[in-house]
Amino acid sequence: MKRIGLAVAVAALALGGCGKQGGGNGGMTVGFAQIGSESGWRTAETNAAKASAKEKGVDLRISDAQQRQENQIKAIRAFIAQGVDGILLAPVVATGWDQVLKEAQAAKIPVVLVDRLIETSDKNLYLSAVTSDQVLEGRTAGEWLTKTVGSRDCPVIELQGTVGSSPAIARKKGFDEALAKTANVKIVRSQSGDFTRSKAKEVMESAIKAVGGNKICAVYAHNDDMMIGAIQAMKEAGLRPGKDVLTVSIDGVPDIFKAMQDGEANATVELTPDMAGPALDMLAAYKKDGKAPPKWHQTPTKLYLPDTAAAEYQRRKDLY
């Protein structure tokens, strides 16, 4: 009950007391139903959104849902009641959005999805989506691993993201597609770490006991924060991540580049945190001319290895 009360209080504060970030120049007012701050990447996305809004003269009102869909739905309804010009939604899970999006549509408030997609029978309920190709992210991770391993047998531990979320579904699909092309690299244990370091550490500790540390060839994590937790678990079990156990994960947060510098991680697939910038541009253009943008704006996907880790760490550390 304390957690629910805190979530409501945080949402109320976020919705009611943000103030204008754009200097009161008569620009748009946009609500952002953010998932929370469960990872370094999520924090960077929020920071990038604030910076983009300030640059563009947008009054951005951010609600932190603390990873609870019901809090996001409450936030969207509050934004509708405020009569905002548009809503950004980073959906915590893929399903269960149709009713509240119909309410936004009835109020003539366009919604842009950021960094995650939803499952709906009516895609007209949202204006557009700004995301990476999350299947490609998983496939890129899997292709790097199969190429690196070569012909030797490689049992893999998979740390999945939040159950039911679009990144967890898509990143698993892409990774599985890559592994299907070879018989020697196989997932032997797959469990959700909920995109958090602490949960992933627990899951990895359990996997090491169940599978045996000396039998694990590689770990694939749906985000870097889970990999950081897994690295800690491996080190405490006497393993040498990055050497005894290969690692590949997704996001490109500073700590994974630091781990690469230290020889404790091998690869990451970048997910840019600048999702709100393109989304705000879409809303501004739509408000001006009423023309619907393309249904999907794809952000780039890139594999990073230890050779550039030092430079990438310096480049990213101030944003995250």
C-alpha atoms as a PDB file:
ATOM      1  CA  MET A   1       0.000   0.000   0.000  1.00  0.00           C
ATOM      2  CA  LYS A   2       2.868   2.364   0.725  1.00  0.00           C
ATOM      3  CA  ARG A   3       4.215   1.790  -2.783  1.00  0.00           C
ATOM      4  CA  ILE A   4       0.866   2.596  -4.396  1.00  0.00           C
ATOM      5  CA  GLY A   5       0.465   5.700  -2.290  1.00  0.00           C
ATOM      6  CA  LEU A   6       3.934   6.880  -3.200  1.00  0.00           C
ATOM      7  CA  ALA A   7       3.264   6.286  -6.894  1.00  0.00           C
ATOM      8  CA  VAL A   8       0.082   8.362  -6.776  1.00  0.00           C
ATOM      9  CA  ALA A   9       1.865  11.128  -4.880  1.00  0.00           C
ATOM     10  CA  VAL A  10       4.727  11.180  -7.358  1.00  0.00           C
ATOM     11  CA  ALA A  11       2.299  11.268 -10.277  1.00  0.00           C
ATOM     12  CA  ALA A  12       0.362  14.120  -8.726  1.00  0.00           C
ATOM     13  CA  LEU A  13       3.540  16.097  -8.141  1.00  0.00           C
ATOM     14  CA  ALA A  14       4.778  15.451 -11.659  1.00  0.00           C
ATOM     15  CA  LEU A  15       1.478  16.442 -13.242  1.00  0.00           C
ATOM     16  CA  GLY A  16       0.727  19.435 -11.120  1.00  0.00           C
ATOM     17  CA  GLY A  17       4.040  21.114 -10.505  1.00  0.00           C
ATOM     18  CA  CYS A  18       6.268  20.867 -13.529  1.00  0.00           C
ATOM     19  CA  GLY A  19       6.060  24.421 -14.756  1.00  0.00           C
ATOM     20  CA  LYS A  20       7.061  25.484 -18.232  1.00  0.00           C
ATOM     21  CA  GLN A  21      10.408  24.208 -19.448  1.00  0.00           C
ATOM     22  CA  GLY A  22      10.341  26.252 -22.615  1.00  0.00           C
ATOM     23  CA  GLY A  23      10.312  29.728 -21.189  1.00  0.00           C
ATOM     24  CA  GLY A  24       6.593  30.487 -21.649  1.00  0.00           C
ATOM     25  CA  ASN A  25       6.850  31.312 -25.336  1.00  0.00           C
ATOM     26  CA  GLY A  26       3.415  30.015 -26.261  1.00  0.00           C
ATOM     27  CA  GLY A  27       4.655  26.614 -27.498  1.00  0.00           C
ATOM     28  CA  MET A  28       3.009  23.250 -27.015  1.00  0.00           C
ATOM     29  CA  THR A  29       2.150  21.607 -23.731  1.00  0.00           C
ATOM     30  CA  VAL A  30       2.915  17.876 -23.864  1.00  0.00           C
ATOM     31  CA  GLY A  31       2.442  15.155 -21.285  1.00  0.00           C
ATOM     32  CA  PHE A  32       4.977  12.333 -21.034  1.00  0.00           C
ATOM     33  CA  ALA A  33       3.766   9.107 -19.395  1.00  0.00           C
ATOM     34  CA  GLN A  34       7.192   7.688 -18.569  1.00  0.00           C
ATOM     35  CA  ILE A  35       7.695   4.156 -17.262  1.00  0.00           C
ATOM     36  CA  GLY A  36       9.977   5.092 -14.381  1.00  0.00           C
ATOM     37  CA  SER A  37      13.697   5.139 -13.672  1.00  0.00           C
ATOM     38  CA  GLU A  38      14.440   1.424 -13.564  1.00  0.00           C
ATOM     39  CA  SER A  39      17.682   1.710 -15.528  1.00  0.00           C
ATOM     40  CA  GLY A  40      20.424   4.110 -16.509  1.00  0.00           C
ATOM     41  CA  TRP A  41      19.032   4.177 -20.019  1.00  0.00           C
ATOM     42  CA  ARG A  42      15.571   5.190 -18.776  1.00  0.00           C
ATOM     43  CA  THR A  43      17.066   8.065 -16.804  1.00  0.00           C
ATOM     44  CA  ALA A  44      18.951   9.178 -19.903  1.00  0.00           C
ATOM     45  CA  GLU A  45      15.758   9.070 -21.957  1.00  0.00           C
ATOM     46  CA  THR A  46      14.024  11.331 -19.431  1.00  0.00           C
ATOM     47  CA  ASN A  47      16.995  13.726 -19.365  1.00  0.00           C
ATOM     48  CA  ALA A  48      17.108  13.829 -23.168  1.00  0.00           C
ATOM     49  CA  ALA A  49      13.366  14.528 -23.261  1.00  0.00           C
ATOM     50  CA  LYS A  50      13.751  17.468 -20.870  1.00  0.00           C
ATOM     51  CA  ALA A  51      16.639  18.870 -22.925  1.00  0.00           C
ATOM     52  CA  SER A  52      14.697  18.535 -26.204  1.00  0.00           C
ATOM     53  CA  ALA A  53      11.622  20.159 -24.698  1.00  0.00           C
ATOM     54  CA  LYS A  54      13.639  23.101 -23.395  1.00  0.00           C
ATOM     55  CA  GLU A  55      15.335  23.556 -26.766  1.00  0.00           C
ATOM     56  CA  LYS A  56      12.028  23.447 -28.637  1.00  0.00           C
ATOM     57  CA  GLY A  57      10.079  25.658 -26.216  1.00  0.00           C
ATOM     58  CA  VAL A  58       7.736  22.881 -25.091  1.00  0.00           C
ATOM     59  CA  ASP A  59       6.084  22.690 -21.678  1.00  0.00           C
ATOM     60  CA  LEU A  60       6.822  19.005 -20.983  1.00  0.00           C
ATOM     61  CA  ARG A  61       4.966  17.461 -18.054  1.00  0.00           C
ATOM     62  CA  ILE A  62       6.536  14.155 -17.011  1.00  0.00           C
ATOM     63  CA  SER A  63       4.823  11.493 -14.928  1.00  0.00           C
ATOM     64  CA  ASP A  64       6.939   8.687 -13.430  1.00  0.00           C
ATOM     65  CA  ALA A  65       4.771   5.551 -13.297  1.00  0.00           C
ATOM     66  CA  GLN A  66       7.257   3.497 -11.248  1.00  0.00           C
ATOM     67  CA  GLN A  67       6.846   0.619 -13.729  1.00  0.00           C
ATOM     68  CA  ARG A  68       3.092   0.271 -13.129  1.00  0.00           C
ATOM     69  CA  GLN A  69       0.659   0.392 -16.023  1.00  0.00           C
ATOM     70  CA  GLU A  70      -2.192   1.625 -13.850  1.00  0.00           C
ATOM     71  CA  ASN A  71      -0.143   4.706 -12.964  1.00  0.00           C
ATOM     72  CA  GLN A  72       0.500   5.410 -16.639  1.00  0.00           C
ATOM     73  CA  ILE A  73      -3.201   5.142 -17.419  1.00  0.00           C
ATOM     74  CA  LYS A  74      -4.002   7.571 -14.569  1.00  0.00           C
ATOM     75  CA  ALA A  75      -1.355   9.959 -15.905  1.00  0.00           C
ATOM     76  CA  ILE A  76      -2.791   9.876 -19.440  1.00  0.00           C
ATOM     77  CA  ARG A  77      -6.268  10.640 -18.083  1.00  0.00           C
ATOM     78  CA  ALA A  78      -4.840  13.528 -16.075  1.00  0.00           C
ATOM     79  CA  PHE A  79      -3.127  14.874 -19.197  1.00  0.00           C
ATOM     80  CA  ILE A  80      -6.430  14.630 -21.078  1.00  0.00           C
ATOM     81  CA  ALA A  81      -8.179  16.563 -18.302  1.00  0.00           C
ATOM     82  CA  GLN A  82      -5.509  19.270 -18.560  1.00  0.00           C
ATOM     83  CA  GLY A  83      -6.123  19.600 -22.303  1.00  0.00           C
ATOM     84  CA  VAL A  84      -2.516  19.107 -23.361  1.00  0.00           C
ATOM     85  CA  ASP A  85      -1.545  19.394 -27.039  1.00  0.00           C
ATOM     86  CA  GLY A  86      -0.104  15.909 -27.201  1.00  0.00           C
ATOM     87  CA  ILE A  87       0.983  12.913 -25.148  1.00  0.00           C
ATOM     88  CA  LEU A  88       4.159  10.819 -25.256  1.00  0.00           C
ATOM     89  CA  LEU A  89       3.759   7.271 -23.981  1.00  0.00           C
ATOM     90  CA  ALA A  90       6.544   4.811 -23.162  1.00  0.00           C
ATOM     91  CA  PRO A  91       4.299   1.797 -22.461  1.00  0.00           C
ATOM     92  CA  VAL A  92       5.412  -0.447 -19.611  1.00  0.00           C
ATOM     93  CA  VAL A  93       3.687  -3.442 -21.238  1.00  0.00           C
ATOM     94  CA  ALA A  94       2.360  -4.012 -24.754  1.00  0.00           C
ATOM     95  CA  THR A  95      -1.325  -4.701 -24.059  1.00  0.00           C
ATOM     96  CA  GLY A  96      -4.223  -3.005 -22.288  1.00  0.00           C
ATOM     97  CA  TRP A  97      -4.062   0.502 -23.799  1.00  0.00           C
ATOM     98  CA  ASP A  98      -7.065   0.684 -26.122  1.00  0.00           C
ATOM     99  CA  GLN A  99      -9.571   2.218 -23.709  1.00  0.00           C
ATOM    100  CA  VAL A 100      -7.426   5.110 -22.486  1.00  0.00           C
ATOM    101  CA  LEU A 101      -6.149   5.806 -26.012  1.00  0.00           C
ATOM    102  CA  LYS A 102      -9.758   5.976 -27.218  1.00  0.00           C
ATOM    103  CA  GLU A 103     -10.316   8.611 -24.524  1.00  0.00           C
ATOM    104  CA  ALA A 104      -7.356  10.626 -25.821  1.00  0.00           C
ATOM    105  CA  GLN A 105      -8.621  10.240 -29.386  1.00  0.00           C
ATOM    106  CA  ALA A 106     -12.089  11.461 -28.363  1.00  0.00           C
ATOM    107  CA  ALA A 107     -10.429  14.521 -26.819  1.00  0.00           C
ATOM    108  CA  LYS A 108      -8.503  15.071 -30.089  1.00  0.00           C
ATOM    109  CA  ILE A 109      -5.149  14.702 -28.318  1.00  0.00           C
ATOM    110  CA  PRO A 110      -2.561  12.839 -30.446  1.00  0.00           C
ATOM    111  CA  VAL A 111      -0.418  10.196 -28.754  1.00  0.00           C
ATOM    112  CA  VAL A 112       3.103   9.250 -29.875  1.00  0.00           C
ATOM    113  CA  LEU A 113       4.666   6.046 -28.569  1.00  0.00           C
ATOM    114  CA  VAL A 114       8.337   6.295 -27.602  1.00  0.00           C
ATOM    115  CA  ASP A 115      10.891   3.462 -27.392  1.00  0.00           C
ATOM    116  CA  ARG A 116       8.205   0.755 -27.067  1.00  0.00           C
ATOM    117  CA  LEU A 117       5.260  -0.443 -29.144  1.00  0.00           C
ATOM    118  CA  ILE A 118       1.803  -1.662 -28.150  1.00  0.00           C
ATOM    119  CA  GLU A 119      -0.481  -4.442 -29.344  1.00  0.00           C
ATOM    120  CA  THR A 120      -3.770  -3.047 -30.632  1.00  0.00           C
ATOM    121  CA  SER A 121      -6.302  -3.885 -33.313  1.00  0.00           C
ATOM    122  CA  ASP A 122      -6.645  -0.167 -34.152  1.00  0.00           C
ATOM    123  CA  LYS A 123      -3.349   1.563 -34.918  1.00  0.00           C
ATOM    124  CA  ASN A 124      -5.240   4.814 -35.480  1.00  0.00           C
ATOM    125  CA  LEU A 125      -5.356   5.115 -31.697  1.00  0.00           C
ATOM    126  CA  TYR A 126      -1.817   6.511 -31.780  1.00  0.00           C
ATOM    127  CA  LEU A 127      -0.288   9.026 -34.177  1.00  0.00           C
ATOM    128  CA  SER A 128       3.136   7.421 -34.599  1.00  0.00           C
ATOM    129  CA  ALA A 129       5.882   5.536 -32.793  1.00  0.00           C
ATOM    130  CA  VAL A 130       9.541   6.470 -32.299  1.00  0.00           C
ATOM    131  CA  THR A 131      11.442   3.267 -31.589  1.00  0.00           C
ATOM    132  CA  SER A 132      14.415   1.216 -32.608  1.00  0.00           C
ATOM    133  CA  ASP A 133      13.964  -2.061 -34.471  1.00  0.00           C
ATOM    134  CA  GLN A 134      14.042  -4.192 -31.336  1.00  0.00           C
ATOM    135  CA  VAL A 135      14.023  -7.471 -33.262  1.00  0.00           C
ATOM    136  CA  LEU A 136      17.108  -6.204 -35.103  1.00  0.00           C
ATOM    137  CA  GLU A 137      18.747  -5.400 -31.760  1.00  0.00           C
ATOM    138  CA  GLY A 138      18.284  -8.972 -30.578  1.00  0.00           C
ATOM    139  CA  ARG A 139      19.390 -10.374 -33.937  1.00  0.00           C
ATOM    140  CA  THR A 140      22.522  -8.189 -33.904  1.00  0.00           C
ATOM    141  CA  ALA A 141      23.413  -9.481 -30.431  1.00  0.00           C
ATOM    142  CA  GLY A 142      22.839 -13.076 -31.506  1.00  0.00           C
ATOM    143  CA  GLU A 143      24.840 -12.735 -34.718  1.00  0.00           C
ATOM    144  CA  TRP A 144      27.795 -11.273 -32.811  1.00  0.00           C
ATOM    145  CA  LEU A 145      27.684 -14.169 -30.357  1.00  0.00           C
ATOM    146  CA  THR A 146      27.432 -16.949 -32.952  1.00  0.00           C
ATOM    147  CA  LYS A 147      30.248 -15.396 -34.986  1.00  0.00           C
ATOM    148  CA  THR A 148      32.460 -14.994 -31.906  1.00  0.00           C
ATOM    149  CA  VAL A 149      31.854 -18.528 -30.647  1.00  0.00           C
ATOM    150  CA  GLY A 150      32.437 -20.190 -33.998  1.00  0.00           C
ATOM    151  CA  SER A 151      31.885 -23.940 -33.983  1.00  0.00           C
ATOM    152  CA  ARG A 152      32.300 -24.667 -30.271  1.00  0.00           C
ATOM    153  CA  ASP A 153      29.340 -25.577 -28.079  1.00  0.00           C
ATOM    154  CA  CYS A 154      27.990 -22.563 -26.195  1.00  0.00           C
ATOM    155  CA  PRO A 155      25.265 -22.828 -23.509  1.00  0.00           C
ATOM    156  CA  VAL A 156      23.675 -19.377 -23.037  1.00  0.00           C
ATOM    157  CA  ILE A 157      21.867 -17.767 -20.106  1.00  0.00           C
ATOM    158  CA  GLU A 158      19.238 -15.241 -21.244  1.00  0.00           C
ATOM    159  CA  LEU A 159      18.089 -12.424 -18.955  1.00  0.00           C
ATOM    160  CA  GLN A 160      14.759 -11.203 -20.299  1.00  0.00           C
ATOM    161  CA  GLY A 161      13.199  -7.800 -19.729  1.00  0.00           C
ATOM    162  CA  THR A 162       9.818  -7.096 -18.126  1.00  0.00           C
ATOM    163  CA  VAL A 163       7.341  -9.854 -18.973  1.00  0.00           C
ATOM    164  CA  GLY A 164       4.890  -8.664 -21.626  1.00  0.00           C
ATOM    165  CA  SER A 165       6.903  -5.605 -22.649  1.00  0.00           C
ATOM    166  CA  SER A 166       7.593  -5.069 -26.347  1.00  0.00           C
ATOM    167  CA  PRO A 167      11.413  -4.937 -25.920  1.00  0.00           C
ATOM    168  CA  ALA A 168      11.447  -8.267 -24.076  1.00  0.00           C
ATOM    169  CA  ILE A 169       9.288  -9.905 -26.742  1.00  0.00           C
ATOM    170  CA  ALA A 170      11.155  -8.446 -29.724  1.00  0.00           C
ATOM    171  CA  ARG A 171      14.711  -8.758 -28.386  1.00  0.00           C
ATOM    172  CA  LYS A 172      14.110 -12.419 -27.586  1.00  0.00           C
ATOM    173  CA  LYS A 173      12.646 -13.011 -31.034  1.00  0.00           C
ATOM    174  CA  GLY A 174      15.633 -11.472 -32.821  1.00  0.00           C
ATOM    175  CA  PHE A 175      18.171 -13.334 -30.683  1.00  0.00           C
ATOM    176  CA  ASP A 176      16.350 -16.629 -31.248  1.00  0.00           C
ATOM    177  CA  GLU A 177      16.373 -15.983 -35.008  1.00  0.00           C
ATOM    178  CA  ALA A 178      20.156 -15.620 -34.982  1.00  0.00           C
ATOM    179  CA  LEU A 179      20.692 -18.722 -32.850  1.00  0.00           C
ATOM    180  CA  ALA A 180      18.383 -20.780 -35.075  1.00  0.00           C
ATOM    181  CA  LYS A 181      21.030 -20.615 -37.806  1.00  0.00           C
ATOM    182  CA  THR A 182      23.528 -22.636 -35.763  1.00  0.00           C
ATOM    183  CA  ALA A 183      23.181 -25.828 -33.734  1.00  0.00           C
ATOM    184  CA  ASN A 184      26.008 -25.257 -31.262  1.00  0.00           C
ATOM    185  CA  VAL A 185      24.766 -22.087 -29.512  1.00  0.00           C
ATOM    186  CA  LYS A 186      21.699 -22.755 -27.354  1.00  0.00           C
ATOM    187  CA  ILE A 187      19.795 -20.994 -24.565  1.00  0.00           C
ATOM    188  CA  VAL A 188      19.802 -23.313 -21.552  1.00  0.00           C
ATOM    189  CA  ARG A 189      18.035 -20.980 -19.113  1.00  0.00           C
ATOM    190  CA  SER A 190      15.870 -17.906 -19.747  1.00  0.00           C
ATOM    191  CA  GLN A 191      14.235 -15.801 -17.044  1.00  0.00           C
ATOM    192  CA  SER A 192      13.051 -12.223 -16.530  1.00  0.00           C
ATOM    193  CA  GLY A 193      15.282  -9.809 -14.656  1.00  0.00           C
ATOM    194  CA  ASP A 194      12.656  -7.046 -15.082  1.00  0.00           C
ATOM    195  CA  PHE A 195      15.249  -4.708 -16.685  1.00  0.00           C
ATOM    196  CA  THR A 196      16.821  -4.049 -13.244  1.00  0.00           C
ATOM    197  CA  ARG A 197      20.301  -4.747 -11.864  1.00  0.00           C
ATOM    198  CA  SER A 198      19.117  -6.156  -8.541  1.00  0.00           C
ATOM    199  CA  LYS A 199      16.620  -8.620 -10.010  1.00  0.00           C
ATOM    200  CA  ALA A 200      19.068  -9.736 -12.717  1.00  0.00           C
ATOM    201  CA  LYS A 201      21.727 -10.380 -10.079  1.00  0.00           C
ATOM    202  CA  GLU A 202      19.320 -12.689  -8.250  1.00  0.00           C
ATOM    203  CA  VAL A 203      18.362 -14.467 -11.475  1.00  0.00           C
ATOM    204  CA  MET A 204      22.007 -14.920 -12.466  1.00  0.00           C
ATOM    205  CA  GLU A 205      22.914 -16.298  -9.046  1.00  0.00           C
ATOM    206  CA  SER A 206      20.133 -18.864  -9.453  1.00  0.00           C
ATOM    207  CA  ALA A 207      21.261 -19.727 -12.988  1.00  0.00           C
ATOM    208  CA  ILE A 208      24.859 -20.314 -11.881  1.00  0.00           C
ATOM    209  CA  LYS A 209      23.672 -22.740  -9.195  1.00  0.00           C
ATOM    210  CA  ALA A 210      21.260 -24.541 -11.534  1.00  0.00           C
ATOM    211  CA  VAL A 211      23.455 -24.816 -14.623  1.00  0.00           C
ATOM    212  CA  GLY A 212      26.925 -24.720 -13.094  1.00  0.00           C
ATOM    213  CA  GLY A 213      29.257 -21.774 -13.591  1.00  0.00           C
ATOM    214  CA  ASN A 214      31.807 -23.775 -15.567  1.00  0.00           C
ATOM    215  CA  LYS A 215      29.100 -24.835 -18.046  1.00  0.00           C
ATOM    216  CA  ILE A 216      27.981 -21.300 -18.971  1.00  0.00           C
ATOM    217  CA  CYS A 217      29.529 -20.023 -22.203  1.00  0.00           C
ATOM    218  CA  ALA A 218      27.689 -16.704 -22.544  1.00  0.00           C
ATOM    219  CA  VAL A 219      25.069 -14.393 -21.056  1.00  0.00           C
ATOM    220  CA  TYR A 220      22.637 -12.391 -23.179  1.00  0.00           C
ATOM    221  CA  ALA A 221      20.725  -9.622 -21.379  1.00  0.00           C
ATOM    222  CA  HIS A 222      17.872  -7.580 -22.847  1.00  0.00           C
ATOM    223  CA  ASN A 223      19.460  -4.467 -21.352  1.00  0.00           C
ATOM    224  CA  ASP A 224      22.845  -3.361 -20.014  1.00  0.00           C
ATOM    225  CA  ASP A 225      21.658  -2.759 -16.466  1.00  0.00           C
ATOM    226  CA  MET A 226      20.692  -6.416 -16.129  1.00  0.00           C
ATOM    227  CA  MET A 227      24.112  -7.370 -17.470  1.00  0.00           C
ATOM    228  CA  ILE A 228      25.802  -5.225 -14.819  1.00  0.00           C
ATOM    229  CA  GLY A 229      23.858  -7.155 -12.175  1.00  0.00           C
ATOM    230  CA  ALA A 230      24.791 -10.452 -13.836  1.00  0.00           C
ATOM    231  CA  ILE A 231      28.467  -9.463 -13.950  1.00  0.00           C
ATOM    232  CA  GLN A 232      28.392  -8.831 -10.214  1.00  0.00           C
ATOM    233  CA  ALA A 233      26.833 -12.252  -9.612  1.00  0.00           C
ATOM    234  CA  MET A 234      29.428 -13.969 -11.792  1.00  0.00           C
ATOM    235  CA  LYS A 235      32.328 -12.254 -10.039  1.00  0.00           C
ATOM    236  CA  GLU A 236      30.968 -13.228  -6.626  1.00  0.00           C
ATOM    237  CA  ALA A 237      30.739 -16.836  -7.858  1.00  0.00           C
ATOM    238  CA  GLY A 238      34.409 -16.807  -8.842  1.00  0.00           C
ATOM    239  CA  LEU A 239      33.801 -16.514 -12.592  1.00  0.00           C
ATOM    240  CA  ARG A 240      35.521 -14.028 -14.891  1.00  0.00           C
ATOM    241  CA  PRO A 241      32.840 -12.304 -16.987  1.00  0.00           C
ATOM    242  CA  GLY A 242      34.191 -11.110 -20.321  1.00  0.00           C
ATOM    243  CA  LYS A 243      36.767 -13.928 -20.244  1.00  0.00           C
ATOM    244  CA  ASP A 244      35.314 -17.193 -18.882  1.00  0.00           C
ATOM    245  CA  VAL A 245      31.815 -16.075 -19.888  1.00  0.00           C
ATOM    246  CA  LEU A 246      31.034 -13.941 -22.938  1.00  0.00           C
ATOM    247  CA  THR A 247      28.534 -11.114 -22.465  1.00  0.00           C
ATOM    248  CA  VAL A 248      26.299  -9.257 -24.911  1.00  0.00           C
ATOM    249  CA  SER A 249      23.502  -6.866 -23.999  1.00  0.00           C
ATOM    250  CA  ILE A 250      21.504  -3.912 -25.314  1.00  0.00           C
ATOM    251  CA  ASP A 251      21.310  -0.146 -24.596  1.00  0.00           C
ATOM    252  CA  GLY A 252      24.806   1.355 -24.592  1.00  0.00           C
ATOM    253  CA  VAL A 253      24.835   2.869 -21.086  1.00  0.00           C
ATOM    254  CA  PRO A 254      28.110   4.195 -19.640  1.00  0.00           C
ATOM    255  CA  ASP A 255      28.545   1.422 -17.066  1.00  0.00           C
ATOM    256  CA  ILE A 256      28.652  -1.274 -19.734  1.00  0.00           C
ATOM    257  CA  PHE A 257      31.454   0.605 -21.503  1.00  0.00           C
ATOM    258  CA  LYS A 258      33.265   0.872 -18.166  1.00  0.00           C
ATOM    259  CA  ALA A 259      32.843  -2.897 -17.785  1.00  0.00           C
ATOM    260  CA  MET A 260      34.310  -3.351 -21.270  1.00  0.00           C
ATOM    261  CA  GLN A 261      37.296  -1.194 -20.292  1.00  0.00           C
ATOM    262  CA  ASP A 262      37.784  -3.435 -17.254  1.00  0.00           C
ATOM    263  CA  GLY A 263      37.615  -6.572 -19.408  1.00  0.00           C
ATOM    264  CA  GLU A 264      34.343  -7.711 -17.808  1.00  0.00           C
ATOM    265  CA  ALA A 265      31.990  -7.263 -20.794  1.00  0.00           C
ATOM    266  CA  ASN A 266      32.305  -7.970 -24.495  1.00  0.00           C
ATOM    267  CA  ALA A 267      29.577  -6.269 -26.540  1.00  0.00           C
ATOM    268  CA  THR A 268      26.546  -3.983 -26.414  1.00  0.00           C
ATOM    269  CA  VAL A 269      23.964  -2.933 -29.004  1.00  0.00           C
ATOM    270  CA  GLU A 270      23.119   0.766 -28.794  1.00  0.00           C
ATOM    271  CA  LEU A 271      19.614   2.058 -28.151  1.00  0.00           C
ATOM    272  CA  THR A 272      19.624   5.849 -28.422  1.00  0.00           C
ATOM    273  CA  PRO A 273      17.851   7.624 -25.528  1.00  0.00           C
ATOM    274  CA  ASP A 274      16.823  10.546 -27.761  1.00  0.00           C
ATOM    275  CA  MET A 275      13.287   9.394 -28.504  1.00  0.00           C
ATOM    276  CA  ALA A 276      11.353  12.453 -27.368  1.00  0.00           C
ATOM    277  CA  GLY A 277      13.100  14.858 -29.774  1.00  0.00           C
ATOM    278  CA  PRO A 278      11.685  13.287 -32.961  1.00  0.00           C
ATOM    279  CA  ALA A 279       8.352  12.717 -31.215  1.00  0.00           C
ATOM    280  CA  LEU A 280       8.002  16.389 -30.265  1.00  0.00           C
ATOM    281  CA  ASP A 281       8.863  17.387 -33.838  1.00  0.00           C
ATOM    282  CA  MET A 282       6.067  15.113 -35.086  1.00  0.00           C
ATOM    283  CA  LEU A 283       3.542  16.637 -32.718  1.00  0.00           C
ATOM    284  CA  ALA A 284       4.566  20.183 -33.714  1.00  0.00           C
ATOM    285  CA  ALA A 285       4.229  19.393 -37.430  1.00  0.00           C
ATOM    286  CA  TYR A 286       0.888  17.662 -36.892  1.00  0.00           C
ATOM    287  CA  LYS A 287      -0.415  20.589 -34.861  1.00  0.00           C
ATOM    288  CA  LYS A 288       0.621  22.981 -37.636  1.00  0.00           C
ATOM    289  CA  ASP A 289      -0.668  21.228 -40.767  1.00  0.00           C
ATOM    290  CA  GLY A 290      -2.833  18.324 -39.561  1.00  0.00           C
ATOM    291  CA  LYS A 291      -0.966  15.824 -41.760  1.00  0.00           C
ATOM    292  CA  ALA A 292      -0.283  12.473 -40.114  1.00  0.00           C
ATOM    293  CA  PRO A 293       3.415  11.488 -40.050  1.00  0.00           C
ATOM    294  CA  PRO A 294       4.700   8.004 -40.986  1.00  0.00           C
ATOM    295  CA  LYS A 295       3.500   5.395 -38.511  1.00  0.00           C
ATOM    296  CA  TRP A 296       7.043   4.512 -37.462  1.00  0.00           C
ATOM    297  CA  HIS A 297      10.202   6.550 -37.014  1.00  0.00           C
ATOM    298  CA  GLN A 298      13.115   4.106 -36.691  1.00  0.00           C
ATOM    299  CA  THR A 299      16.151   5.062 -34.629  1.00  0.00           C
ATOM    300  CA  PRO A 300      19.591   3.586 -35.470  1.00  0.00           C
ATOM    301  CA  THR A 301      21.000   0.281 -34.169  1.00  0.00           C
ATOM    302  CA  LYS A 302      24.764  -0.189 -33.747  1.00  0.00           C
ATOM    303  CA  LEU A 303      27.043  -2.814 -32.200  1.00  0.00           C
ATOM    304  CA  TYR A 304      29.844  -1.579 -29.905  1.00  0.00           C
ATOM    305  CA  LEU A 305      32.909  -3.579 -28.831  1.00  0.00           C
ATOM    306  CA  PRO A 306      35.744  -2.943 -26.328  1.00  0.00           C
ATOM    307  CA  ASP A 307      37.986  -1.150 -28.833  1.00  0.00           C
ATOM    308  CA  THR A 308      35.900   2.038 -28.535  1.00  0.00           C
ATOM    309  CA  ALA A 309      34.772   1.572 -24.911  1.00  0.00           C
ATOM    310  CA  ALA A 310      36.949   4.281 -23.352  1.00  0.00           C
ATOM    311  CA  ALA A 311      35.825   6.960 -25.800  1.00  0.00           C
ATOM    312  CA  GLU A 312      32.170   5.938 -25.590  1.00  0.00           C
ATOM    313  CA  TYR A 313      32.231   6.001 -21.794  1.00  0.00           C
ATOM    314  CA  GLN A 314      33.512   9.582 -21.783  1.00  0.00           C
ATOM    315  CA  ARG A 315      30.990  10.630 -24.423  1.00  0.00           C
ATOM    316  CA  ARG A 316      27.957   9.266 -22.597  1.00  0.00           C
ATOM    317  CA  LYS A 317      28.649   9.623 -18.880  1.00  0.00           C
ATOM    318  CA  ASP A 318      27.218  13.140 -18.495  1.00  0.00           C
ATOM    319  CA  LEU A 319      23.870  12.249 -20.073  1.00  0.00           C
ATOM    320  CA  TYR A 320      23.133   9.160 -18.001  1.00  0.00           C
END
